[in-house]
Amino acid sequence: MTTDRVEAPARTVGAVADELYLKCIRCGKCLSVCPVYRETRIETLSPRGKVALYRAVGEDDLKVSEVYAGKLYTCLMCEACRETCPSGVELDVILNQVRADLARSGLMPGSLRQLSETIVAAGNISGEDNEQRLGWTANLEAMPVGLDHGGQAEVAYFVGCVSSLFPASYSIPQSLIQILEQAGVNYALTGGGERCCGYPLLLNGEVERALEMARHNVEAVQATGATRVVMACPSCYHMWKHTYPELLDDGELDGLEILHETEILADLAREGRLHFKP
């Protein structure tokens, strides 16, 4: 551990600076909010347990192995521990960097590796032909007008893998496009031109692959002429709103406002473009 924080660079274990993980005082406040620990009651799967494992590897008390990797991948990345930690330990930041190292070393769990390969090959999490992203439109009375935007759209609707390809979620895009059309919004759908937002790839530690997805999606949206991008999926929204700006180069997102569907609905209500029943 460094003693002079001004002149000496922080020591790192793998890719993580020491101050990121040495903040943990093992108080255990994270245990009650961690869904993985609450289900398993296994200390090494708790947030503080993962920090202790990582520190043990850095101090040569533990060797990196498939078992070790499996434990550090057993996290939902919900950030509940981060919100409750009195010391400000950012486990999500630590795990993102650690998983990138593990992925490069070939230690990503097999099931997650299979998911990554599926996303890269198909452009979505289901493995279906990406042109099937418009399957949710099949039982509509008419095809969405957003498919014929002519590059002059006001808003681009990023539907996401789950709402596009899993029938249980079809009602989400069906409802939103009906509202947009009734409100007179000039919107665009990119259909098969849309790919996975890249969030699963990022969580697996495959930053470069996530970046490729991000760039593709931004270019697809920009081609619609839209200056606003709306999405209902919380993972897609998190990726576009918070992670794309970190992954992409300066300027790549210029001119695009990222909105959750609740935000655009609120805007339409304020503008008097939505008519509510009394």
C-alpha atoms as a PDB file:
ATOM      1  CA  MET A   1       0.000   0.000   0.000  1.00  0.00           C
ATOM      2  CA  THR A   2       1.367   3.410  -0.882  1.00  0.00           C
ATOM      3  CA  THR A   3       2.079   5.869   1.890  1.00  0.00           C
ATOM      4  CA  ASP A   4       2.477   9.043  -0.141  1.00  0.00           C
ATOM      5  CA  ARG A   5      -0.751   9.568  -2.061  1.00  0.00           C
ATOM      6  CA  VAL A   6       0.534  12.735  -3.709  1.00  0.00           C
ATOM      7  CA  GLU A   7       3.865  11.669  -5.168  1.00  0.00           C
ATOM      8  CA  ALA A   8       3.655   7.882  -5.366  1.00  0.00           C
ATOM      9  CA  PRO A   9       1.295   6.118  -7.778  1.00  0.00           C
ATOM     10  CA  ALA A  10      -1.251   3.755  -6.274  1.00  0.00           C
ATOM     11  CA  ARG A  11      -0.224   0.116  -6.143  1.00  0.00           C
ATOM     12  CA  THR A  12      -2.469  -2.108  -8.203  1.00  0.00           C
ATOM     13  CA  VAL A  13      -3.501  -5.716  -7.946  1.00  0.00           C
ATOM     14  CA  GLY A  14      -4.168  -6.827 -11.486  1.00  0.00           C
ATOM     15  CA  ALA A  15      -6.037  -3.863 -12.911  1.00  0.00           C
ATOM     16  CA  VAL A  16      -7.496  -2.451  -9.681  1.00  0.00           C
ATOM     17  CA  ALA A  17      -5.874   0.353  -7.697  1.00  0.00           C
ATOM     18  CA  ASP A  18      -5.380  -0.517  -4.035  1.00  0.00           C
ATOM     19  CA  GLU A  19      -7.592   2.237  -2.670  1.00  0.00           C
ATOM     20  CA  LEU A  20     -10.581   0.723  -4.443  1.00  0.00           C
ATOM     21  CA  TYR A  21     -10.531  -2.478  -2.416  1.00  0.00           C
ATOM     22  CA  LEU A  22      -8.668  -1.512   0.769  1.00  0.00           C
ATOM     23  CA  LYS A  23     -11.616   0.683   1.736  1.00  0.00           C
ATOM     24  CA  CYS A  24     -13.504  -2.430   2.861  1.00  0.00           C
ATOM     25  CA  ILE A  25     -13.576  -2.607   6.683  1.00  0.00           C
ATOM     26  CA  ARG A  26     -15.523  -5.909   6.696  1.00  0.00           C
ATOM     27  CA  CYS A  27     -18.368  -4.387   8.686  1.00  0.00           C
ATOM     28  CA  GLY A  28     -20.903  -6.627   6.969  1.00  0.00           C
ATOM     29  CA  LYS A  29     -23.502  -3.975   6.169  1.00  0.00           C
ATOM     30  CA  CYS A  30     -23.522  -5.296   2.616  1.00  0.00           C
ATOM     31  CA  LEU A  31     -24.672  -8.769   3.675  1.00  0.00           C
ATOM     32  CA  SER A  32     -28.271  -7.832   4.348  1.00  0.00           C
ATOM     33  CA  VAL A  33     -28.762  -6.190   0.945  1.00  0.00           C
ATOM     34  CA  CYS A  34     -26.864  -8.618  -1.291  1.00  0.00           C
ATOM     35  CA  PRO A  35     -29.349 -10.906  -3.108  1.00  0.00           C
ATOM     36  CA  VAL A  36     -26.655 -13.515  -3.786  1.00  0.00           C
ATOM     37  CA  TYR A  37     -25.581 -13.752  -0.146  1.00  0.00           C
ATOM     38  CA  ARG A  38     -29.145 -13.695   1.135  1.00  0.00           C
ATOM     39  CA  GLU A  39     -29.916 -16.694  -1.056  1.00  0.00           C
ATOM     40  CA  THR A  40     -26.712 -18.701  -0.543  1.00  0.00           C
ATOM     41  CA  ARG A  41     -25.407 -17.607   2.889  1.00  0.00           C
ATOM     42  CA  ILE A  42     -21.905 -18.272   1.542  1.00  0.00           C
ATOM     43  CA  GLU A  43     -19.404 -15.692   2.816  1.00  0.00           C
ATOM     44  CA  THR A  44     -17.132 -15.853  -0.240  1.00  0.00           C
ATOM     45  CA  LEU A  45     -20.110 -14.959  -2.436  1.00  0.00           C
ATOM     46  CA  SER A  46     -20.893 -11.848  -0.385  1.00  0.00           C
ATOM     47  CA  PRO A  47     -19.571  -8.421  -1.416  1.00  0.00           C
ATOM     48  CA  ARG A  48     -17.014  -8.290   1.397  1.00  0.00           C
ATOM     49  CA  GLY A  49     -16.086 -11.902   0.651  1.00  0.00           C
ATOM     50  CA  LYS A  50     -15.328 -11.060  -2.976  1.00  0.00           C
ATOM     51  CA  VAL A  51     -13.169  -8.129  -1.892  1.00  0.00           C
ATOM     52  CA  ALA A  52     -11.307 -10.419   0.522  1.00  0.00           C
ATOM     53  CA  LEU A  53     -10.733 -12.999  -2.224  1.00  0.00           C
ATOM     54  CA  TYR A  54      -9.390 -10.387  -4.591  1.00  0.00           C
ATOM     55  CA  ARG A  55      -7.106  -8.962  -1.928  1.00  0.00           C
ATOM     56  CA  ALA A  56      -5.827 -12.458  -1.089  1.00  0.00           C
ATOM     57  CA  VAL A  57      -4.860 -12.999  -4.732  1.00  0.00           C
ATOM     58  CA  GLY A  58      -3.107  -9.648  -4.847  1.00  0.00           C
ATOM     59  CA  GLU A  59      -1.133 -10.467  -1.712  1.00  0.00           C
ATOM     60  CA  ASP A  60      -0.194 -13.936  -3.030  1.00  0.00           C
ATOM     61  CA  ASP A  61      -2.221 -15.740  -0.382  1.00  0.00           C
ATOM     62  CA  LEU A  62      -4.524 -17.275  -2.990  1.00  0.00           C
ATOM     63  CA  LYS A  63      -3.989 -18.416  -6.560  1.00  0.00           C
ATOM     64  CA  VAL A  64      -6.278 -17.491  -9.431  1.00  0.00           C
ATOM     65  CA  SER A  65      -8.376 -20.499 -10.427  1.00  0.00           C
ATOM     66  CA  GLU A  66     -11.675 -21.415 -12.033  1.00  0.00           C
ATOM     67  CA  VAL A  67     -13.238 -21.604  -8.578  1.00  0.00           C
ATOM     68  CA  TYR A  68     -11.987 -18.106  -7.756  1.00  0.00           C
ATOM     69  CA  ALA A  69     -13.238 -16.774 -11.092  1.00  0.00           C
ATOM     70  CA  GLY A  70     -16.619 -18.405 -10.595  1.00  0.00           C
ATOM     71  CA  LYS A  71     -17.089 -16.635  -7.287  1.00  0.00           C
ATOM     72  CA  LEU A  72     -16.207 -13.227  -8.743  1.00  0.00           C
ATOM     73  CA  TYR A  73     -18.661 -13.812 -11.578  1.00  0.00           C
ATOM     74  CA  THR A  74     -21.417 -14.718  -9.084  1.00  0.00           C
ATOM     75  CA  CYS A  75     -22.696 -11.179  -8.697  1.00  0.00           C
ATOM     76  CA  LEU A  76     -25.807  -9.569 -10.163  1.00  0.00           C
ATOM     77  CA  MET A  77     -24.102  -6.153 -10.324  1.00  0.00           C
ATOM     78  CA  CYS A  78     -27.210  -4.608  -8.766  1.00  0.00           C
ATOM     79  CA  GLU A  79     -25.021  -2.151  -6.797  1.00  0.00           C
ATOM     80  CA  ALA A  80     -27.089  -2.540  -3.621  1.00  0.00           C
ATOM     81  CA  CYS A  81     -23.862  -3.056  -1.663  1.00  0.00           C
ATOM     82  CA  ARG A  82     -22.413   0.130  -3.109  1.00  0.00           C
ATOM     83  CA  GLU A  83     -25.424   2.107  -1.937  1.00  0.00           C
ATOM     84  CA  THR A  84     -25.204   0.807   1.640  1.00  0.00           C
ATOM     85  CA  CYS A  85     -21.411   0.693   2.121  1.00  0.00           C
ATOM     86  CA  PRO A  86     -20.255   3.276   4.717  1.00  0.00           C
ATOM     87  CA  SER A  87     -16.728   3.198   3.277  1.00  0.00           C
ATOM     88  CA  GLY A  88     -17.760   3.768  -0.316  1.00  0.00           C
ATOM     89  CA  VAL A  89     -16.443   0.492  -1.745  1.00  0.00           C
ATOM     90  CA  GLU A  90     -17.408   0.381  -5.429  1.00  0.00           C
ATOM     91  CA  LEU A  91     -17.614  -3.361  -5.960  1.00  0.00           C
ATOM     92  CA  ASP A  92     -19.080  -2.939  -9.441  1.00  0.00           C
ATOM     93  CA  VAL A  93     -16.022  -0.954 -10.545  1.00  0.00           C
ATOM     94  CA  ILE A  94     -13.698  -3.562  -9.049  1.00  0.00           C
ATOM     95  CA  LEU A  95     -15.539  -6.487 -10.620  1.00  0.00           C
ATOM     96  CA  ASN A  96     -15.751  -4.886 -14.054  1.00  0.00           C
ATOM     97  CA  GLN A  97     -11.978  -4.545 -14.100  1.00  0.00           C
ATOM     98  CA  VAL A  98     -11.328  -7.963 -12.557  1.00  0.00           C
ATOM     99  CA  ARG A  99     -13.685  -9.716 -14.959  1.00  0.00           C
ATOM    100  CA  ALA A 100     -11.923  -8.102 -17.898  1.00  0.00           C
ATOM    101  CA  ASP A 101      -8.679  -9.674 -16.649  1.00  0.00           C
ATOM    102  CA  LEU A 102     -10.359 -13.035 -16.098  1.00  0.00           C
ATOM    103  CA  ALA A 103     -11.973 -12.989 -19.546  1.00  0.00           C
ATOM    104  CA  ARG A 104      -8.633 -12.251 -21.203  1.00  0.00           C
ATOM    105  CA  SER A 105      -7.113 -15.131 -19.239  1.00  0.00           C
ATOM    106  CA  GLY A 106      -9.760 -17.581 -20.442  1.00  0.00           C
ATOM    107  CA  LEU A 107     -11.366 -17.914 -17.015  1.00  0.00           C
ATOM    108  CA  MET A 108     -14.853 -16.707 -17.882  1.00  0.00           C
ATOM    109  CA  PRO A 109     -17.390 -19.392 -16.868  1.00  0.00           C
ATOM    110  CA  GLY A 110     -18.473 -21.540 -19.806  1.00  0.00           C
ATOM    111  CA  SER A 111     -22.137 -20.545 -19.718  1.00  0.00           C
ATOM    112  CA  LEU A 112     -21.227 -16.868 -19.894  1.00  0.00           C
ATOM    113  CA  ARG A 113     -18.743 -17.525 -22.685  1.00  0.00           C
ATOM    114  CA  GLN A 114     -21.530 -19.218 -24.618  1.00  0.00           C
ATOM    115  CA  LEU A 115     -23.787 -16.197 -24.073  1.00  0.00           C
ATOM    116  CA  SER A 116     -21.068 -13.855 -25.316  1.00  0.00           C
ATOM    117  CA  GLU A 117     -20.529 -15.914 -28.461  1.00  0.00           C
ATOM    118  CA  THR A 118     -24.280 -15.982 -29.092  1.00  0.00           C
ATOM    119  CA  ILE A 119     -24.538 -12.198 -28.810  1.00  0.00           C
ATOM    120  CA  VAL A 120     -21.596 -11.600 -31.120  1.00  0.00           C
ATOM    121  CA  ALA A 121     -22.813 -14.110 -33.713  1.00  0.00           C
ATOM    122  CA  ALA A 122     -26.513 -13.205 -33.710  1.00  0.00           C
ATOM    123  CA  GLY A 123     -26.532  -9.622 -32.455  1.00  0.00           C
ATOM    124  CA  ASN A 124     -28.931 -10.520 -29.657  1.00  0.00           C
ATOM    125  CA  ILE A 125     -29.167 -12.608 -26.484  1.00  0.00           C
ATOM    126  CA  SER A 126     -31.551 -15.244 -27.868  1.00  0.00           C
ATOM    127  CA  GLY A 127     -29.476 -16.456 -30.799  1.00  0.00           C
ATOM    128  CA  GLU A 128     -32.354 -15.922 -33.245  1.00  0.00           C
ATOM    129  CA  ASP A 129     -31.915 -14.280 -36.626  1.00  0.00           C
ATOM    130  CA  ASN A 130     -31.597 -10.594 -35.779  1.00  0.00           C
ATOM    131  CA  GLU A 131     -34.178  -9.757 -38.451  1.00  0.00           C
ATOM    132  CA  GLN A 132     -36.728 -11.338 -36.092  1.00  0.00           C
ATOM    133  CA  ARG A 133     -36.473  -8.254 -33.880  1.00  0.00           C
ATOM    134  CA  LEU A 134     -39.718  -7.064 -35.431  1.00  0.00           C
ATOM    135  CA  GLY A 135     -41.613 -10.175 -34.359  1.00  0.00           C
ATOM    136  CA  TRP A 136     -43.526  -8.085 -31.827  1.00  0.00           C
ATOM    137  CA  THR A 137     -45.271  -6.251 -34.694  1.00  0.00           C
ATOM    138  CA  ALA A 138     -46.881  -9.412 -36.123  1.00  0.00           C
ATOM    139  CA  ASN A 139     -50.279  -9.066 -34.436  1.00  0.00           C
ATOM    140  CA  LEU A 140     -50.632  -5.297 -34.776  1.00  0.00           C
ATOM    141  CA  GLU A 141     -53.418  -3.966 -36.987  1.00  0.00           C
ATOM    142  CA  ALA A 142     -50.839  -2.065 -39.035  1.00  0.00           C
ATOM    143  CA  MET A 143     -47.059  -2.012 -39.224  1.00  0.00           C
ATOM    144  CA  PRO A 144     -45.474   0.752 -37.100  1.00  0.00           C
ATOM    145  CA  VAL A 145     -45.061   3.991 -39.018  1.00  0.00           C
ATOM    146  CA  GLY A 146     -41.608   4.273 -37.457  1.00  0.00           C
ATOM    147  CA  LEU A 147     -40.292   1.736 -39.959  1.00  0.00           C
ATOM    148  CA  ASP A 148     -40.672   4.325 -42.724  1.00  0.00           C
ATOM    149  CA  HIS A 149     -38.854   7.281 -41.208  1.00  0.00           C
ATOM    150  CA  GLY A 150     -36.833   8.362 -44.236  1.00  0.00           C
ATOM    151  CA  GLY A 151     -33.943   9.481 -42.075  1.00  0.00           C
ATOM    152  CA  GLN A 152     -36.005  12.371 -40.729  1.00  0.00           C
ATOM    153  CA  ALA A 153     -37.100  11.050 -37.347  1.00  0.00           C
ATOM    154  CA  GLU A 154     -37.548  13.111 -34.204  1.00  0.00           C
ATOM    155  CA  VAL A 155     -37.085  10.169 -31.826  1.00  0.00           C
ATOM    156  CA  ALA A 156     -35.454   6.755 -32.231  1.00  0.00           C
ATOM    157  CA  TYR A 157     -36.965   3.926 -30.197  1.00  0.00           C
ATOM    158  CA  PHE A 158     -34.316   1.409 -29.091  1.00  0.00           C
ATOM    159  CA  VAL A 159     -36.473  -1.619 -28.307  1.00  0.00           C
ATOM    160  CA  GLY A 160     -33.854  -3.972 -26.819  1.00  0.00           C
ATOM    161  CA  CYS A 161     -33.396  -7.746 -27.037  1.00  0.00           C
ATOM    162  CA  VAL A 162     -36.001  -8.848 -24.501  1.00  0.00           C
ATOM    163  CA  SER A 163     -38.892  -6.730 -25.786  1.00  0.00           C
ATOM    164  CA  SER A 164     -37.977  -7.565 -29.387  1.00  0.00           C
ATOM    165  CA  LEU A 165     -37.577 -11.322 -29.121  1.00  0.00           C
ATOM    166  CA  PHE A 166     -39.461 -12.644 -26.096  1.00  0.00           C
ATOM    167  CA  PRO A 167     -43.269 -12.764 -26.598  1.00  0.00           C
ATOM    168  CA  ALA A 168     -44.023 -12.173 -22.915  1.00  0.00           C
ATOM    169  CA  SER A 169     -42.620  -8.657 -23.372  1.00  0.00           C
ATOM    170  CA  TYR A 170     -44.165  -7.782 -26.751  1.00  0.00           C
ATOM    171  CA  SER A 171     -46.797  -5.600 -25.083  1.00  0.00           C
ATOM    172  CA  ILE A 172     -44.103  -3.110 -24.061  1.00  0.00           C
ATOM    173  CA  PRO A 173     -43.079  -1.937 -27.557  1.00  0.00           C
ATOM    174  CA  GLN A 174     -46.630  -2.395 -28.845  1.00  0.00           C
ATOM    175  CA  SER A 175     -47.965  -0.015 -26.203  1.00  0.00           C
ATOM    176  CA  LEU A 176     -45.208   2.559 -26.561  1.00  0.00           C
ATOM    177  CA  ILE A 177     -45.435   2.905 -30.341  1.00  0.00           C
ATOM    178  CA  GLN A 178     -49.208   3.289 -30.102  1.00  0.00           C
ATOM    179  CA  ILE A 179     -48.709   6.157 -27.665  1.00  0.00           C
ATOM    180  CA  LEU A 180     -46.026   7.762 -29.823  1.00  0.00           C
ATOM    181  CA  GLU A 181     -48.236   7.554 -32.898  1.00  0.00           C
ATOM    182  CA  GLN A 182     -51.290   8.930 -31.117  1.00  0.00           C
ATOM    183  CA  ALA A 183     -49.154  11.803 -29.817  1.00  0.00           C
ATOM    184  CA  GLY A 184     -47.945  12.555 -33.333  1.00  0.00           C
ATOM    185  CA  VAL A 185     -44.293  11.808 -32.600  1.00  0.00           C
ATOM    186  CA  ASN A 186     -42.114  11.328 -35.666  1.00  0.00           C
ATOM    187  CA  TYR A 187     -40.244   8.266 -34.465  1.00  0.00           C
ATOM    188  CA  ALA A 188     -37.981   5.617 -35.968  1.00  0.00           C
ATOM    189  CA  LEU A 189     -37.400   1.907 -35.452  1.00  0.00           C
ATOM    190  CA  THR A 190     -34.186   0.334 -36.674  1.00  0.00           C
ATOM    191  CA  GLY A 191     -35.525  -3.237 -36.634  1.00  0.00           C
ATOM    192  CA  GLY A 192     -32.830  -5.721 -37.578  1.00  0.00           C
ATOM    193  CA  GLY A 193     -30.318  -2.881 -37.613  1.00  0.00           C
ATOM    194  CA  GLU A 194     -30.472  -2.816 -33.823  1.00  0.00           C
ATOM    195  CA  ARG A 195     -28.120  -5.062 -31.871  1.00  0.00           C
ATOM    196  CA  CYS A 196     -27.749  -5.980 -28.218  1.00  0.00           C
ATOM    197  CA  CYS A 197     -26.836  -2.900 -26.191  1.00  0.00           C
ATOM    198  CA  GLY A 198     -23.706  -4.755 -25.052  1.00  0.00           C
ATOM    199  CA  TYR A 199     -24.475  -4.832 -21.342  1.00  0.00           C
ATOM    200  CA  PRO A 200     -24.122  -8.629 -20.973  1.00  0.00           C
ATOM    201  CA  LEU A 201     -20.782  -8.467 -22.785  1.00  0.00           C
ATOM    202  CA  LEU A 202     -19.571  -5.709 -20.487  1.00  0.00           C
ATOM    203  CA  LEU A 203     -20.599  -7.645 -17.378  1.00  0.00           C
ATOM    204  CA  ASN A 204     -18.772 -10.685 -18.737  1.00  0.00           C
ATOM    205  CA  GLY A 205     -15.585  -8.627 -18.938  1.00  0.00           C
ATOM    206  CA  GLU A 206     -15.551  -8.248 -22.718  1.00  0.00           C
ATOM    207  CA  VAL A 207     -15.176  -4.506 -23.000  1.00  0.00           C
ATOM    208  CA  GLU A 208     -14.012  -4.427 -26.624  1.00  0.00           C
ATOM    209  CA  ARG A 209     -16.960  -6.482 -27.787  1.00  0.00           C
ATOM    210  CA  ALA A 210     -19.329  -4.242 -25.842  1.00  0.00           C
ATOM    211  CA  LEU A 211     -17.714  -1.239 -27.510  1.00  0.00           C
ATOM    212  CA  GLU A 212     -18.350  -2.733 -30.948  1.00  0.00           C
ATOM    213  CA  MET A 213     -22.048  -3.118 -30.126  1.00  0.00           C
ATOM    214  CA  ALA A 214     -22.201   0.424 -28.781  1.00  0.00           C
ATOM    215  CA  ARG A 215     -20.686   1.916 -31.922  1.00  0.00           C
ATOM    216  CA  HIS A 216     -22.993  -0.062 -34.184  1.00  0.00           C
ATOM    217  CA  ASN A 217     -26.109   1.014 -32.275  1.00  0.00           C
ATOM    218  CA  VAL A 218     -25.131   4.670 -32.165  1.00  0.00           C
ATOM    219  CA  GLU A 219     -24.512   4.671 -35.915  1.00  0.00           C
ATOM    220  CA  ALA A 220     -27.861   2.947 -36.549  1.00  0.00           C
ATOM    221  CA  VAL A 221     -29.685   5.572 -34.487  1.00  0.00           C
ATOM    222  CA  GLN A 222     -27.819   8.466 -36.075  1.00  0.00           C
ATOM    223  CA  ALA A 223     -28.858   7.191 -39.510  1.00  0.00           C
ATOM    224  CA  THR A 224     -32.500   7.824 -38.562  1.00  0.00           C
ATOM    225  CA  GLY A 225     -31.850  11.533 -38.115  1.00  0.00           C
ATOM    226  CA  ALA A 226     -33.197  11.402 -34.562  1.00  0.00           C
ATOM    227  CA  THR A 227     -31.781  13.604 -31.829  1.00  0.00           C
ATOM    228  CA  ARG A 228     -33.492  11.711 -29.006  1.00  0.00           C
ATOM    229  CA  VAL A 229     -33.209   8.000 -28.175  1.00  0.00           C
ATOM    230  CA  VAL A 230     -35.879   6.413 -26.003  1.00  0.00           C
ATOM    231  CA  MET A 231     -35.900   2.971 -24.397  1.00  0.00           C
ATOM    232  CA  ALA A 232     -37.982   1.054 -21.873  1.00  0.00           C
ATOM    233  CA  CYS A 233     -35.468  -1.630 -20.895  1.00  0.00           C
ATOM    234  CA  PRO A 234     -33.601  -0.539 -17.732  1.00  0.00           C
ATOM    235  CA  SER A 235     -30.420  -2.363 -18.760  1.00  0.00           C
ATOM    236  CA  CYS A 236     -30.392  -0.755 -22.204  1.00  0.00           C
ATOM    237  CA  TYR A 237     -31.092   2.628 -20.627  1.00  0.00           C
ATOM    238  CA  HIS A 238     -28.260   2.201 -18.127  1.00  0.00           C
ATOM    239  CA  MET A 239     -25.897   1.210 -20.916  1.00  0.00           C
ATOM    240  CA  TRP A 240     -26.809   4.101 -23.218  1.00  0.00           C
ATOM    241  CA  LYS A 241     -27.061   6.724 -20.482  1.00  0.00           C
ATOM    242  CA  HIS A 242     -24.112   5.855 -18.257  1.00  0.00           C
ATOM    243  CA  THR A 243     -21.793   3.410 -20.008  1.00  0.00           C
ATOM    244  CA  TYR A 244     -21.760   4.471 -23.657  1.00  0.00           C
ATOM    245  CA  PRO A 245     -20.330   7.891 -22.702  1.00  0.00           C
ATOM    246  CA  GLU A 246     -17.475   6.088 -20.910  1.00  0.00           C
ATOM    247  CA  LEU A 247     -16.826   3.558 -23.682  1.00  0.00           C
ATOM    248  CA  LEU A 248     -17.097   5.811 -26.718  1.00  0.00           C
ATOM    249  CA  ASP A 249     -14.734   8.525 -27.833  1.00  0.00           C
ATOM    250  CA  ASP A 250     -15.561  12.162 -27.178  1.00  0.00           C
ATOM    251  CA  GLY A 251     -18.077  13.396 -29.706  1.00  0.00           C
ATOM    252  CA  GLU A 252     -19.519  10.033 -30.745  1.00  0.00           C
ATOM    253  CA  LEU A 253     -22.721  10.661 -28.791  1.00  0.00           C
ATOM    254  CA  ASP A 254     -22.948  14.360 -29.596  1.00  0.00           C
ATOM    255  CA  GLY A 255     -26.426  15.450 -30.581  1.00  0.00           C
ATOM    256  CA  LEU A 256     -28.187  12.498 -28.934  1.00  0.00           C
ATOM    257  CA  GLU A 257     -30.372  12.875 -25.850  1.00  0.00           C
ATOM    258  CA  ILE A 258     -30.910   9.583 -24.001  1.00  0.00           C
ATOM    259  CA  LEU A 259     -34.344   9.123 -22.435  1.00  0.00           C
ATOM    260  CA  HIS A 260     -36.217   6.441 -20.548  1.00  0.00           C
ATOM    261  CA  GLU A 261     -39.759   5.957 -21.805  1.00  0.00           C
ATOM    262  CA  THR A 262     -41.148   7.543 -18.636  1.00  0.00           C
ATOM    263  CA  GLU A 263     -39.253  10.729 -19.446  1.00  0.00           C
ATOM    264  CA  ILE A 264     -40.603  11.094 -22.959  1.00  0.00           C
ATOM    265  CA  LEU A 265     -44.113  10.298 -21.760  1.00  0.00           C
ATOM    266  CA  ALA A 266     -43.777  13.035 -19.147  1.00  0.00           C
ATOM    267  CA  ASP A 267     -42.586  15.455 -21.837  1.00  0.00           C
ATOM    268  CA  LEU A 268     -45.537  14.596 -24.071  1.00  0.00           C
ATOM    269  CA  ALA A 269     -47.947  15.089 -21.177  1.00  0.00           C
ATOM    270  CA  ARG A 270     -46.486  18.507 -20.378  1.00  0.00           C
ATOM    271  CA  GLU A 271     -46.729  19.491 -24.036  1.00  0.00           C
ATOM    272  CA  GLY A 272     -50.402  18.506 -24.148  1.00  0.00           C
ATOM    273  CA  ARG A 273     -49.770  15.807 -26.749  1.00  0.00           C
ATOM    274  CA  LEU A 274     -51.258  13.060 -24.588  1.00  0.00           C
ATOM    275  CA  HIS A 275     -54.976  13.010 -23.916  1.00  0.00           C
ATOM    276  CA  PHE A 276     -55.981  11.264 -20.717  1.00  0.00           C
ATOM    277  CA  LYS A 277     -59.377   9.834 -19.942  1.00  0.00           C
ATOM    278  CA  PRO A 278     -61.182  11.658 -17.119  1.00  0.00           C
END
